[in-house]
Amino acid sequence: MVLVKEPVKAFKKNCLLNGEDCIWAYYHVFPRTISKNTPKKTQEIKEMMARLLLLLADYEDVELVMYPRTMNLRTKFDTLGKGFSPDSQAIGAYYAKETVTLLEREGQVYRPSFILGIKVKEKATVESFHDVINLIWLDLAGSLARLFGLEVDDLETLFSESDPYVKEVTQLLYSFSIRPLVKKELLYLNRLQYIRGMAHKVEEQNNWEVLKDNQGTYVRIPKEHKGLLQLEDELGSSYLALLPIGETPENMRNCDLFQFAQDLSFPAELRMKIHYPRLKGQGGIGLKLNWLSERFKTEHKELVQNDEEPSERLLTVRGLVKHLKQRVDNGQPVVDWIACFIVYGQTVEEVRQNSATVIQQLHTIIHIHRAKNDQRELFYKCLLGQPLGRQLHWKHRTTVEAVGEWLFSAVSELGMESGWYIGRQDTLGDGGSRGEKTPLEELIYASNRFVFLNLLAIAEGIKGALFDAPHVAVTGKTGKGKTFLVGLLFLYSSFMNVQSLFVDPKGEKRKWFTKLIQDPYYQKHYPLFVEHLQKMSYVTLDATNPRNYGVLDPIVCLSRVDAKQVAQDMIDELSPLGTNHLLKGAVLKGIQEVLVQKEAGQQVGLMHVVDYLEQMEQKEVREYGEFLRLTVEDSILRLGFSYGENPGLDFNAKTTILEIQDLKLPNDNVRPELYTDADRKSLCLMISLGRFCEMFGKRDSSKKTAIYFTEAWVFNNSNAGRSIIAAMARVGRSQMNQLVLDTQFIGDLGSDKEKGNFGVVFAFDEDSEREKILNHLRLEVNEANLAEMSHMIKGQCWMLDPYGRVGKLNVHSLFEEMTAALQTTEKTSHSQVEEQDTLIMQ
């Protein structure tokens, strides 16, 4: 026998035995992702929850718990650190530590977790006279033991008797993606109730099997602070307030309280105790409803007889009673319940302020009370394993559909459980201080939904991911922030053990990186970052340097089959051959001849094809060869046309930024038929560059590689370009390669089948294809979503994460040195004055 004073007597697997000898089983409810942009899916979850509650009616008592689960960022970043490159250990560890410090400085980093508790067995069942005698004897023995502060130690028998019931309910719940907790999880959940708001490590608190220790926190009511409780434990002390739900609306449609609790900028719990009252017979609610129905009917009749109008409240209440009575007559369960928000913190002021936030934000929908005189009672009533019982205060009676409206188990999560921080999920929408003109910084810090992304994990494959696709696409109009996001992903990737190639045709990255490297301020304050940028390999392809002739020549760089196709595509891009079979045939024959010479060991290049055309008998072919020579000579095309005098590109550096000097890409709004000669020369080289990237990705399948390809939209204006994008995307997980594609249109990702190669998509606004974007992300094409896209400001985009979840992301860099390195425009006095005026108007 052991001393017992705790609400819980014992644990076994996912079950606990409470002080009344009742067995409760606990389950983790896998969250289902929704957003305000998916109303149909939201309604499906509400209906699913109502169906589940109907199925649980036979168990009489149920509890729903949503609590903020600590993410333990330090542990997650320690694990991430195992993937740092050997030569980037110091800088990777620095930014991992700083990320944790900066995020935790804002408060606890957490994700919502959902727990379902079910009372599976009463303390005893009576099926025979022998059971009656045995029950009387056990009750007498238990009463005598408790008189002396002791408890009969026959717990194993009680748990064993409940096993069939637990198996039954577990089997029922599997179809709802609900799994039983393991014992350590249950131990931690019980312990957490007594250490809310105190710093702790989960792994140190989930193995307290001695209940006196697990539940040993001192709970007191501070005399000087009525309406609060103080918890005192060896971990420290904290304050908390339990805020019960009072008056509710007559119609609880869209009363998304569990979603509301997640949107709060501070951690909060929402707990609900549910009881299914007996419907019929002695003590059933049917008799009470009959009495109420007659009473309101009589009251209504008397008012009519006195020529008085019945009040709206009377009519409403009478209608509700009638509805409940019909449900009871049909054998459909109703529920009694209480629900409490639980807020906590280190100081009284923090708890009072958070309590006021909950009350004020909900006051137009539902009444939340401070319950100053009921704090201790509510604390114990909300503990695990405690039934609703004979609770009178704060009790409500509704249908199960009304409870389903609360959106239990629905979350609006985005990103991954671990990885680098890239921003926050938007929670304000147009609800900021300046509506749709609210600054991005305000939108960022109003949200506590941090978004993390681990590109290496995506490339390797993730269990549970919706797409088995390693690549990432970033789409949208120029100036919306996609270049910044791609750069941020690239910088974080450069810390990891992966060989990265950043293809920057316009040469913007080197310009801004060099500017930061040479800035005394960053040299002084961020020497590690400056050194890291200096270690990157910067390769500039300058066509005026003879050593660069032919570095992108397909005859030099590629295999026979690939070289033939790319060489043909490059020539056709310079001067489309259309249906001129004479010229087409001559070009193909010339390429074929040169490739035969290459296989024979001769030094050859694409210029030999030009020579071949110039030597042909047909005048039209010779003139075409002369045209190509004049076009190539003394131009940027010498990078792709050569006599094989230089080797092709070959990168061995861990991180390389490749740019092409004097490359002039056409504007994204120019039609192909209006391209200038300079445009066509640039696009000709881009075709070869794309094929080179494909080769880079698959040259060594034992090494992880990543390609960041910017300005990829130019490929979409020709069949050759589209095939290159498709080919780069096909080089995937089997070759340990990942492609991060920066382009303008969602259509640039290829056909519907090819789009499936991109497991993560960031879609910035592009007003010409909003419906296409919504369709690709599987969001409903409706006025609300179209309007939301039109209100997206710079730095906001849709994100489709590896698990198929979609939400609006506010892109954010925590570090000023990274932000400076990734800027794309120079601030002048004009923009600075405008920003100052904007701040004054606020």
Foldseek 3Di string as FASTA:
>chain_A
DDFDDDQWDADDWQWTQGPQRFIKGKWWQAFDADDPLFVVVLVVLLVVQLVVVQVQQVLFKKKKKKFWAFLPLVVQLVVVLVFFDPVQSVVSVVVSVVVVVVLCVLPGATDITMMMMTGQGGNDDDDDPVRVVVVVVQVVVQVVQVVVRHGDPPSVVSVVVSVVSVVVVQVVCVVSVMHTHGQLVVLLQQLCLQQPAFDDDSVVRSPPRPVCQSVVWDWDAPPVQFLKIKTQDPRGIKIKFKKKFADADLDLALVQQVAVQQLASHTKMKMKMKGWAALDDVPHCLVVLVVVLVVLVVVCVVCVVVVHDDDPVSVSVNVQSVVVNVCSVVVRIKMKMMMIMMDMHHDPVVNVVSVVVVQVVCVVGTHIGSPRPCGVVVSVCRRPPHHCPPDDPRMDIGHSSSVSSNSRSYDNAEADSHAAWWFFFFDCQLNDPNGLPDDLVRRGSSGSRTHHYHLLPLQQDDPLFPFNFNAEEEAADPPQASLLSLLVVQVSCLRGQAFEEEEDAVPQLVVLLVVLLPDPVCCVPPVVVSVSSVLAAEAEQELVDLQLQALLALLQQHDLVVNLVLLLVLLCLLPNPPPVVVLSVLLSVLSVVQNVVVVVPDQATSLSSLVSQCPDPDPVSNVSSVVVVVLCPPDLLSNHTDGNPYHHDDDDRRHYYYYYPPQDADDPPDASVPDDSSNSSNVSSVLSVLVNLLCVQQVALVGAYEYEYAALQSLVNDPSSLVSLLSSLVSGSSSNYYYYYYYHDLCSCDDPVSNSNHLKYWYQADLVQQVVVCVNLVRDPDPVSNVSNVSRHRQWTWMQYRNSRIGITRTDDPDPSSVSSSDRDDDDPVVVVVVVVVVVVD
